[in-house]
Each structure stands twice: as C-alpha cells, then as structure tokens.
Amino acid sequence: MYADIAATLSFYCGLRACEIKGLRWQDIDLRNRLLHVRRSKTPAGWRSPTLNATCLDVLQRLHDDAARLGFTEPDHFVFPWHGRGRKLDPTRGMTSWRSAWRAMRKGAGLVHVRFHDGRQTAITTLAEKGLPDWVIQAQVGHVAPEMMKTYSHIPRQALNQTADALKPPASRPDTPPAAAAKRRTARPVQQPAAQAAEPRVARAVNEPAARARRVMSHSVSQNAGAGGRVLRFAKKDWLLRQDLNL
C-alpha cells in the first residue's frame, strides 16, 4: 500500500523519494489541498505544491488508515518505519520500499521502470503542456538548468509542428504567395466553337493531299534505281514504258 501511494505522489505530484519519506502529517493540508515539502535534497527544493484530486484521494485514505492506528500526530511520519513482524513506528520515517516497488513493476510488466522515472514523467508532462519553467519548478522543486534543457525540446517540437501546419500545401518555396494564389484562382480560357473547329477542318481537307504526296515520294524513291521500269499515272489511262536495249 505504501509503495503504491508513494508512486502516485511521484508520478502525479513530482516528488522525490527522499521528499516522500520525509513527509509528516503536519506537512499535509488536506483541506486546502496543499503539501509542504520541507525536507529535500537542498533548500531549493522546499515548496508547497498543490495536490490534484488523485494525490488528495490517496493521502486521505492513508490518513484514515493511520487514524485507526493512532499514527496521525503532527510530528508522525506519513510513511512510518517498518520493522520485522510488521512492526510500525510512526516516529521514524520509512527507509525503503524497494521490495514492494519491485513487485509492483513485475505485476505491471514494467520491470525496467525506475522509481525516479515518476518525477521525470511529471516534469515531461508539464513541459508538454507548455508551462513556463518557473511554474514547473514551483510544483516539482528545483530542477538543474542542464536537466531543464532535456525537457525544453518538447515545446519547441510543438512550435515546429505549428509552423509546418501553416505552410501552403500547393505552392513551392520559391513561388511568391501572390503568384501562387493567382495560379490557384486562374481558370483555363475556352476557345469559341468556330475557332476550335477550324484546325480540325483544315486537317481533314489537307490530309488526302499529304497522304498522296507521301505515296508518290515513296514509289519514286523505290523505283528510281530500278533502271528502266517506271509507272506513270494519267487522269484516266496509264502508260507502261519499259526501256529495252535494242
């Protein structure tokens, strides 16, 4: 149960493992949905993030269970120390949930997921929403500038996709926008029916003559080197002349 609640605070509130283990009930304000982090890696991590509905629900259930055991004094740890024989000591903080976390990963089929990946997932989610860096740090605590550079590419990718969406799909990069718009709106000019029919009529009239010239030139070229037999066609009769060696 404790490992499950700790993972919820990591993924959905961005808390570090050391911050979760150091929480006391005096740091939880369920009425105002606030969580005060006063034990972190450095004082720069001290903050008071707002609890969303998911985190508020698991902490409320944990508080109800602790109340039945009498472990809700202000200086009692939210995650009490576990000893042998399931012995609990609320005056001491939990040192590890490694075994329970390993069992959770195996049951979910995510054996390679680290507990710290929950905090990184929270930061990535906030960056994808386009929140400023100072807002992200107010919620999850201090983030090193080198680490923030890791997440800064996410808003930039969204801006690059926005720029690509504004590109005109039909125009080339070297085509001015006005020319591209004019080309898209221009309509083909239709010729009058009489003008369109004239070339077809001219081709129909000239086609027999052109075909006859091709036949004549072919026959002459084939018989020019025969040396004596030439076919000549008159209007109604023809004359066959054959050169003889007399």
C-alpha atoms as a PDB file:
ATOM      1  CA  MET A   1       0.000   0.000   0.000  1.00  0.00           C
ATOM      2  CA  TYR A   2       2.733   2.479   0.932  1.00  0.00           C
ATOM      3  CA  ALA A   3       4.700   1.859  -2.257  1.00  0.00           C
ATOM      4  CA  ASP A   4       1.583   2.402  -4.351  1.00  0.00           C
ATOM      5  CA  ILE A   5       0.830   5.742  -2.659  1.00  0.00           C
ATOM      6  CA  ALA A   6       4.473   6.798  -2.912  1.00  0.00           C
ATOM      7  CA  ALA A   7       4.444   6.059  -6.662  1.00  0.00           C
ATOM      8  CA  THR A   8       1.267   8.139  -7.040  1.00  0.00           C
ATOM      9  CA  LEU A   9       2.955  11.130  -5.394  1.00  0.00           C
ATOM     10  CA  SER A  10       5.982  10.673  -7.637  1.00  0.00           C
ATOM     11  CA  PHE A  11       4.129  10.407 -10.954  1.00  0.00           C
ATOM     12  CA  TYR A  12       1.317  12.885 -10.251  1.00  0.00           C
ATOM     13  CA  CYS A  13       2.968  15.398  -7.937  1.00  0.00           C
ATOM     14  CA  GLY A  14       6.624  15.190  -8.984  1.00  0.00           C
ATOM     15  CA  LEU A  15       8.010  14.356  -5.539  1.00  0.00           C
ATOM     16  CA  ARG A  16      11.411  12.776  -4.989  1.00  0.00           C
ATOM     17  CA  ALA A  17      11.745   9.594  -2.969  1.00  0.00           C
ATOM     18  CA  CYS A  18      13.577  11.417  -0.164  1.00  0.00           C
ATOM     19  CA  GLU A  19      10.813  14.047  -0.039  1.00  0.00           C
ATOM     20  CA  ILE A  20       8.113  11.402   0.252  1.00  0.00           C
ATOM     21  CA  LYS A  21       9.930   9.569   3.052  1.00  0.00           C
ATOM     22  CA  GLY A  22      10.365  12.815   4.981  1.00  0.00           C
ATOM     23  CA  LEU A  23       6.696  13.853   4.954  1.00  0.00           C
ATOM     24  CA  ARG A  24       4.944  14.339   8.280  1.00  0.00           C
ATOM     25  CA  TRP A  25       1.245  14.854   8.832  1.00  0.00           C
ATOM     26  CA  GLN A  26       1.899  18.460   9.765  1.00  0.00           C
ATOM     27  CA  ASP A  27       3.101  18.940   6.178  1.00  0.00           C
ATOM     28  CA  ILE A  28      -0.218  17.775   4.693  1.00  0.00           C
ATOM     29  CA  ASP A  29      -3.078  20.287   4.411  1.00  0.00           C
ATOM     30  CA  LEU A  30      -5.951  18.190   3.105  1.00  0.00           C
ATOM     31  CA  ARG A  31      -8.491  20.989   3.499  1.00  0.00           C
ATOM     32  CA  ASN A  32      -6.589  23.441   1.309  1.00  0.00           C
ATOM     33  CA  ARG A  33      -5.102  20.747  -0.959  1.00  0.00           C
ATOM     34  CA  LEU A  34      -1.520  21.703  -0.129  1.00  0.00           C
ATOM     35  CA  LEU A  35       1.603  19.694   0.556  1.00  0.00           C
ATOM     36  CA  HIS A  36       4.575  21.403   2.192  1.00  0.00           C
ATOM     37  CA  VAL A  37       7.976  19.969   1.287  1.00  0.00           C
ATOM     38  CA  ARG A  38      10.489  20.911   3.972  1.00  0.00           C
ATOM     39  CA  ARG A  39      12.887  18.000   3.598  1.00  0.00           C
ATOM     40  CA  SER A  40      14.567  17.762   0.216  1.00  0.00           C
ATOM     41  CA  LYS A  41      17.992  17.351  -1.331  1.00  0.00           C
ATOM     42  CA  THR A  42      18.664  21.081  -0.902  1.00  0.00           C
ATOM     43  CA  PRO A  43      16.678  24.042   0.485  1.00  0.00           C
ATOM     44  CA  ALA A  44      15.976  24.982  -3.138  1.00  0.00           C
ATOM     45  CA  GLY A  45      13.581  22.030  -3.199  1.00  0.00           C
ATOM     46  CA  TRP A  46      11.375  23.430  -0.435  1.00  0.00           C
ATOM     47  CA  ARG A  47       7.984  24.284  -1.818  1.00  0.00           C
ATOM     48  CA  SER A  48       4.223  23.937  -1.344  1.00  0.00           C
ATOM     49  CA  PRO A  49       2.739  22.271  -4.415  1.00  0.00           C
ATOM     50  CA  THR A  50      -0.990  21.967  -4.954  1.00  0.00           C
ATOM     51  CA  LEU A  51      -2.473  18.480  -4.677  1.00  0.00           C
ATOM     52  CA  ASN A  52      -4.623  17.264  -7.546  1.00  0.00           C
ATOM     53  CA  ALA A  53      -7.651  15.033  -6.969  1.00  0.00           C
ATOM     54  CA  THR A  54      -5.669  11.817  -7.423  1.00  0.00           C
ATOM     55  CA  CYS A  55      -2.995  12.688  -4.858  1.00  0.00           C
ATOM     56  CA  LEU A  56      -5.564  14.130  -2.465  1.00  0.00           C
ATOM     57  CA  ASP A  57      -7.597  10.921  -2.575  1.00  0.00           C
ATOM     58  CA  VAL A  58      -4.701   8.562  -1.775  1.00  0.00           C
ATOM     59  CA  LEU A  59      -3.468  10.784   1.059  1.00  0.00           C
ATOM     60  CA  GLN A  60      -6.961  10.977   2.536  1.00  0.00           C
ATOM     61  CA  ARG A  61      -7.250   7.194   2.544  1.00  0.00           C
ATOM     62  CA  LEU A  62      -3.792   6.887   4.079  1.00  0.00           C
ATOM     63  CA  HIS A  63      -4.774   9.368   6.782  1.00  0.00           C
ATOM     64  CA  ASP A  64      -7.913   7.389   7.575  1.00  0.00           C
ATOM     65  CA  ASP A  65      -5.892   4.173   7.948  1.00  0.00           C
ATOM     66  CA  ALA A  66      -3.300   5.930  10.122  1.00  0.00           C
ATOM     67  CA  ALA A  67      -6.043   7.384  12.336  1.00  0.00           C
ATOM     68  CA  ARG A  68      -7.277   3.890  13.198  1.00  0.00           C
ATOM     69  CA  LEU A  69      -3.743   3.086  14.414  1.00  0.00           C
ATOM     70  CA  GLY A  70      -3.274   6.385  16.247  1.00  0.00           C
ATOM     71  CA  PHE A  71      -0.493   7.486  13.881  1.00  0.00           C
ATOM     72  CA  THR A  72      -1.825  10.945  12.921  1.00  0.00           C
ATOM     73  CA  GLU A  73       0.022  13.214  15.341  1.00  0.00           C
ATOM     74  CA  PRO A  74       1.502  16.275  13.600  1.00  0.00           C
ATOM     75  CA  ASP A  75       5.052  15.010  14.060  1.00  0.00           C
ATOM     76  CA  HIS A  76       4.219  11.454  12.927  1.00  0.00           C
ATOM     77  CA  PHE A  77       5.612  10.380   9.608  1.00  0.00           C
ATOM     78  CA  VAL A  78       3.139   9.846   6.786  1.00  0.00           C
ATOM     79  CA  PHE A  79       5.196   6.805   5.741  1.00  0.00           C
ATOM     80  CA  PRO A  80       6.145   5.160   9.049  1.00  0.00           C
ATOM     81  CA  TRP A  81       9.104   2.900   9.640  1.00  0.00           C
ATOM     82  CA  HIS A  82       8.528  -0.838   9.081  1.00  0.00           C
ATOM     83  CA  GLY A  83      10.308  -3.405  11.225  1.00  0.00           C
ATOM     84  CA  ARG A  84      10.254  -7.149  11.496  1.00  0.00           C
ATOM     85  CA  GLY A  85       6.957  -8.770  12.262  1.00  0.00           C
ATOM     86  CA  ARG A  86       5.154  -5.839  10.599  1.00  0.00           C
ATOM     87  CA  LYS A  87       6.071  -3.563  13.449  1.00  0.00           C
ATOM     88  CA  LEU A  88       5.349   0.112  12.728  1.00  0.00           C
ATOM     89  CA  ASP A  89       6.936   3.146  14.322  1.00  0.00           C
ATOM     90  CA  PRO A  90       5.371   6.500  13.257  1.00  0.00           C
ATOM     91  CA  THR A  91       8.132   8.463  14.968  1.00  0.00           C
ATOM     92  CA  ARG A  92      10.588   7.183  12.393  1.00  0.00           C
ATOM     93  CA  GLY A  93      10.396   7.505   8.651  1.00  0.00           C
ATOM     94  CA  MET A  94      10.350   4.624   6.190  1.00  0.00           C
ATOM     95  CA  THR A  95      13.783   3.803   4.829  1.00  0.00           C
ATOM     96  CA  SER A  96      12.911   1.798   1.717  1.00  0.00           C
ATOM     97  CA  TRP A  97      10.046   0.325  -0.318  1.00  0.00           C
ATOM     98  CA  ARG A  98      12.318  -1.454  -2.769  1.00  0.00           C
ATOM     99  CA  SER A  99      10.752  -4.916  -2.438  1.00  0.00           C
ATOM    100  CA  ALA A 100       7.204  -3.614  -2.809  1.00  0.00           C
ATOM    101  CA  TRP A 101       8.213  -1.435  -5.770  1.00  0.00           C
ATOM    102  CA  ARG A 102       9.865  -4.386  -7.476  1.00  0.00           C
ATOM    103  CA  ALA A 103       6.699  -6.458  -7.035  1.00  0.00           C
ATOM    104  CA  MET A 104       4.580  -3.629  -8.466  1.00  0.00           C
ATOM    105  CA  ARG A 105       6.781  -3.335 -11.564  1.00  0.00           C
ATOM    106  CA  LYS A 106       6.659  -7.060 -12.169  1.00  0.00           C
ATOM    107  CA  GLY A 107       2.874  -7.150 -11.860  1.00  0.00           C
ATOM    108  CA  ALA A 108       2.524  -4.272 -14.332  1.00  0.00           C
ATOM    109  CA  GLY A 109       5.060  -5.698 -16.781  1.00  0.00           C
ATOM    110  CA  LEU A 110       7.320  -2.647 -16.376  1.00  0.00           C
ATOM    111  CA  VAL A 111      10.394  -4.227 -14.856  1.00  0.00           C
ATOM    112  CA  HIS A 112      12.780  -1.590 -16.248  1.00  0.00           C
ATOM    113  CA  VAL A 113      10.931   1.439 -14.826  1.00  0.00           C
ATOM    114  CA  ARG A 114      12.769   3.210 -12.009  1.00  0.00           C
ATOM    115  CA  PHE A 115      11.013   4.994  -9.171  1.00  0.00           C
ATOM    116  CA  HIS A 116      12.690   8.268 -10.152  1.00  0.00           C
ATOM    117  CA  ASP A 117      11.110   7.950 -13.610  1.00  0.00           C
ATOM    118  CA  GLY A 118       7.862   9.084 -11.998  1.00  0.00           C
ATOM    119  CA  ARG A 119       9.277  12.535 -11.257  1.00  0.00           C
ATOM    120  CA  GLN A 120      10.757  12.789 -14.754  1.00  0.00           C
ATOM    121  CA  THR A 121       7.392  11.825 -16.223  1.00  0.00           C
ATOM    122  CA  ALA A 122       5.711  14.589 -14.225  1.00  0.00           C
ATOM    123  CA  ILE A 123       8.207  17.193 -15.465  1.00  0.00           C
ATOM    124  CA  THR A 124       7.805  15.995 -19.052  1.00  0.00           C
ATOM    125  CA  THR A 125       4.013  16.223 -18.789  1.00  0.00           C
ATOM    126  CA  LEU A 126       4.212  19.801 -17.512  1.00  0.00           C
ATOM    127  CA  ALA A 127       6.636  20.744 -20.284  1.00  0.00           C
ATOM    128  CA  GLU A 128       4.324  19.254 -22.907  1.00  0.00           C
ATOM    129  CA  LYS A 129       1.541  21.471 -21.580  1.00  0.00           C
ATOM    130  CA  GLY A 130       3.738  24.474 -22.363  1.00  0.00           C
ATOM    131  CA  LEU A 131       4.048  25.716 -18.763  1.00  0.00           C
ATOM    132  CA  PRO A 132       6.905  28.154 -18.006  1.00  0.00           C
ATOM    133  CA  ASP A 133      10.000  26.855 -16.262  1.00  0.00           C
ATOM    134  CA  TRP A 134       9.331  28.836 -13.082  1.00  0.00           C
ATOM    135  CA  VAL A 135       5.840  27.309 -12.775  1.00  0.00           C
ATOM    136  CA  ILE A 136       7.256  23.799 -13.232  1.00  0.00           C
ATOM    137  CA  GLN A 137       9.870  24.403 -10.545  1.00  0.00           C
ATOM    138  CA  ALA A 138       7.250  25.799  -8.166  1.00  0.00           C
ATOM    139  CA  GLN A 139       5.394  22.500  -8.430  1.00  0.00           C
ATOM    140  CA  VAL A 140       8.208  19.921  -8.571  1.00  0.00           C
ATOM    141  CA  GLY A 141      11.048  21.853  -6.922  1.00  0.00           C
ATOM    142  CA  HIS A 142      14.442  22.922  -8.155  1.00  0.00           C
ATOM    143  CA  VAL A 143      15.497  21.485 -11.497  1.00  0.00           C
ATOM    144  CA  ALA A 144      19.079  21.966 -12.665  1.00  0.00           C
ATOM    145  CA  PRO A 145      19.480  24.066 -15.838  1.00  0.00           C
ATOM    146  CA  GLU A 146      21.134  21.106 -17.563  1.00  0.00           C
ATOM    147  CA  MET A 147      18.098  18.985 -16.732  1.00  0.00           C
ATOM    148  CA  MET A 148      15.660  21.641 -17.953  1.00  0.00           C
ATOM    149  CA  LYS A 149      17.429  21.628 -21.322  1.00  0.00           C
ATOM    150  CA  THR A 150      16.459  17.977 -21.596  1.00  0.00           C
ATOM    151  CA  TYR A 151      12.789  18.926 -21.464  1.00  0.00           C
ATOM    152  CA  SER A 152      12.993  22.233 -23.397  1.00  0.00           C
ATOM    153  CA  HIS A 153      12.831  20.430 -26.754  1.00  0.00           C
ATOM    154  CA  ILE A 154       9.213  19.433 -26.122  1.00  0.00           C
ATOM    155  CA  PRO A 155       7.643  22.908 -26.539  1.00  0.00           C
ATOM    156  CA  ARG A 156       9.977  23.558 -29.472  1.00  0.00           C
ATOM    157  CA  GLN A 157       8.732  20.410 -31.219  1.00  0.00           C
ATOM    158  CA  ALA A 158       5.173  21.667 -30.799  1.00  0.00           C
ATOM    159  CA  LEU A 159       6.132  25.042 -32.320  1.00  0.00           C
ATOM    160  CA  ASN A 160       7.853  23.309 -35.247  1.00  0.00           C
ATOM    161  CA  GLN A 161       4.706  21.304 -35.939  1.00  0.00           C
ATOM    162  CA  THR A 162       2.672  24.511 -35.803  1.00  0.00           C
ATOM    163  CA  ALA A 163       4.966  26.157 -38.353  1.00  0.00           C
ATOM    164  CA  ASP A 164       4.685  23.151 -40.682  1.00  0.00           C
ATOM    165  CA  ALA A 165       0.905  23.273 -40.429  1.00  0.00           C
ATOM    166  CA  LEU A 166       0.921  26.868 -41.732  1.00  0.00           C
ATOM    167  CA  LYS A 167       2.881  26.029 -44.894  1.00  0.00           C
ATOM    168  CA  PRO A 168       0.840  26.367 -48.128  1.00  0.00           C
ATOM    169  CA  PRO A 169       0.486  22.805 -49.410  1.00  0.00           C
ATOM    170  CA  ALA A 170       0.226  23.638 -53.154  1.00  0.00           C
ATOM    171  CA  SER A 171       2.932  26.274 -53.603  1.00  0.00           C
ATOM    172  CA  ARG A 172       6.676  25.804 -53.876  1.00  0.00           C
ATOM    173  CA  PRO A 173       9.023  27.642 -51.510  1.00  0.00           C
ATOM    174  CA  ASP A 174      10.343  29.851 -54.331  1.00  0.00           C
ATOM    175  CA  THR A 175       6.877  30.859 -55.548  1.00  0.00           C
ATOM    176  CA  PRO A 176       5.627  34.210 -54.215  1.00  0.00           C
ATOM    177  CA  PRO A 177       2.369  33.899 -52.254  1.00  0.00           C
ATOM    178  CA  ALA A 178       0.539  36.294 -54.605  1.00  0.00           C
ATOM    179  CA  ALA A 179       1.592  34.329 -57.693  1.00  0.00           C
ATOM    180  CA  ALA A 180       0.612  31.067 -56.068  1.00  0.00           C
ATOM    181  CA  ALA A 181      -2.814  32.452 -55.159  1.00  0.00           C
ATOM    182  CA  LYS A 182      -3.297  33.821 -58.701  1.00  0.00           C
ATOM    183  CA  ARG A 183      -2.361  30.458 -60.204  1.00  0.00           C
ATOM    184  CA  ARG A 184      -4.826  28.644 -57.975  1.00  0.00           C
ATOM    185  CA  THR A 185      -7.683  31.014 -58.858  1.00  0.00           C
ATOM    186  CA  ALA A 186      -6.968  31.288 -62.628  1.00  0.00           C
ATOM    187  CA  ARG A 187      -9.331  29.409 -64.960  1.00  0.00           C
ATOM    188  CA  PRO A 188      -8.431  27.977 -68.377  1.00  0.00           C
ATOM    189  CA  VAL A 189      -9.547  30.154 -71.321  1.00  0.00           C
ATOM    190  CA  GLN A 190     -12.065  28.380 -73.539  1.00  0.00           C
ATOM    191  CA  GLN A 191     -11.899  28.994 -77.317  1.00  0.00           C
ATOM    192  CA  PRO A 192     -15.088  29.705 -79.281  1.00  0.00           C
ATOM    193  CA  ALA A 193     -16.600  26.702 -81.024  1.00  0.00           C
ATOM    194  CA  ALA A 194     -15.902  28.112 -84.527  1.00  0.00           C
ATOM    195  CA  GLN A 195     -12.233  28.772 -83.763  1.00  0.00           C
ATOM    196  CA  ALA A 196     -11.785  25.370 -82.215  1.00  0.00           C
ATOM    197  CA  ALA A 197     -13.373  23.660 -85.263  1.00  0.00           C
ATOM    198  CA  GLU A 198     -11.172  25.423 -87.880  1.00  0.00           C
ATOM    199  CA  PRO A 199      -7.976  23.440 -87.221  1.00  0.00           C
ATOM    200  CA  ARG A 200      -9.891  20.164 -87.413  1.00  0.00           C
ATOM    201  CA  VAL A 201     -11.466  21.119 -90.781  1.00  0.00           C
ATOM    202  CA  ALA A 202      -8.108  22.206 -92.207  1.00  0.00           C
ATOM    203  CA  ARG A 203      -6.529  18.942 -91.166  1.00  0.00           C
ATOM    204  CA  ALA A 204      -9.379  16.956 -92.757  1.00  0.00           C
ATOM    205  CA  VAL A 205      -9.005  18.836 -96.100  1.00  0.00           C
ATOM    206  CA  ASN A 206      -5.239  18.623 -96.269  1.00  0.00           C
ATOM    207  CA  GLU A 207      -4.933  15.035 -95.148  1.00  0.00           C
ATOM    208  CA  PRO A 208      -5.641  13.348 -98.588  1.00  0.00           C
ATOM    209  CA  ALA A 209      -3.120  15.574-100.382  1.00  0.00           C
ATOM    210  CA  ALA A 210      -0.477  14.963 -97.791  1.00  0.00           C
ATOM    211  CA  ARG A 211      -1.104  11.220 -97.946  1.00  0.00           C
ATOM    212  CA  ALA A 212      -0.822  11.284-101.791  1.00  0.00           C
ATOM    213  CA  ARG A 213       2.493  13.132-101.627  1.00  0.00           C
ATOM    214  CA  ARG A 214       3.849  10.564 -99.239  1.00  0.00           C
ATOM    215  CA  VAL A 215       2.775   7.703-101.557  1.00  0.00           C
ATOM    216  CA  MET A 216       4.318   9.379-104.631  1.00  0.00           C
ATOM    217  CA  SER A 217       7.586  10.137-102.941  1.00  0.00           C
ATOM    218  CA  HIS A 218       7.761   6.566-101.687  1.00  0.00           C
ATOM    219  CA  SER A 219       7.105   4.999-105.092  1.00  0.00           C
ATOM    220  CA  VAL A 220       9.605   7.237-106.871  1.00  0.00           C
ATOM    221  CA  SER A 221      12.295   6.585-104.304  1.00  0.00           C
ATOM    222  CA  GLN A 222      11.756   2.841-104.554  1.00  0.00           C
ATOM    223  CA  ASN A 223      11.872   2.779-108.415  1.00  0.00           C
ATOM    224  CA  ALA A 224      14.443   5.473-109.101  1.00  0.00           C
ATOM    225  CA  GLY A 225      17.263   2.970-109.059  1.00  0.00           C
ATOM    226  CA  ALA A 226      15.429   0.203-110.996  1.00  0.00           C
ATOM    227  CA  GLY A 227      16.938   1.472-114.274  1.00  0.00           C
ATOM    228  CA  GLY A 228      14.019   1.102-116.694  1.00  0.00           C
ATOM    229  CA  ARG A 229      10.605   0.399-115.196  1.00  0.00           C
ATOM    230  CA  VAL A 230       8.591   3.455-114.265  1.00  0.00           C
ATOM    231  CA  LEU A 231       4.871   3.610-113.648  1.00  0.00           C
ATOM    232  CA  ARG A 232       3.166   6.821-114.733  1.00  0.00           C
ATOM    233  CA  PHE A 233      -0.469   7.536-113.931  1.00  0.00           C
ATOM    234  CA  ALA A 234      -2.610   9.806-116.141  1.00  0.00           C
ATOM    235  CA  LYS A 235      -6.117  11.031-115.415  1.00  0.00           C
ATOM    236  CA  LYS A 236      -7.894   8.013-116.962  1.00  0.00           C
ATOM    237  CA  ASP A 237      -5.293   5.788-118.537  1.00  0.00           C
ATOM    238  CA  TRP A 238      -1.771   4.784-117.836  1.00  0.00           C
ATOM    239  CA  LEU A 239       1.195   4.015-119.933  1.00  0.00           C
ATOM    240  CA  LEU A 240       3.705   1.402-119.175  1.00  0.00           C
ATOM    241  CA  ARG A 241       7.047   2.067-120.632  1.00  0.00           C
ATOM    242  CA  GLN A 242       9.861  -0.320-120.416  1.00  0.00           C
ATOM    243  CA  ASP A 243      13.303   0.570-121.626  1.00  0.00           C
ATOM    244  CA  LEU A 244      14.731  -2.153-123.817  1.00  0.00           C
ATOM    245  CA  ASN A 245      18.241  -2.489-125.048  1.00  0.00           C
ATOM    246  CA  LEU A 246      17.656  -2.563-128.825  1.00  0.00           C
END
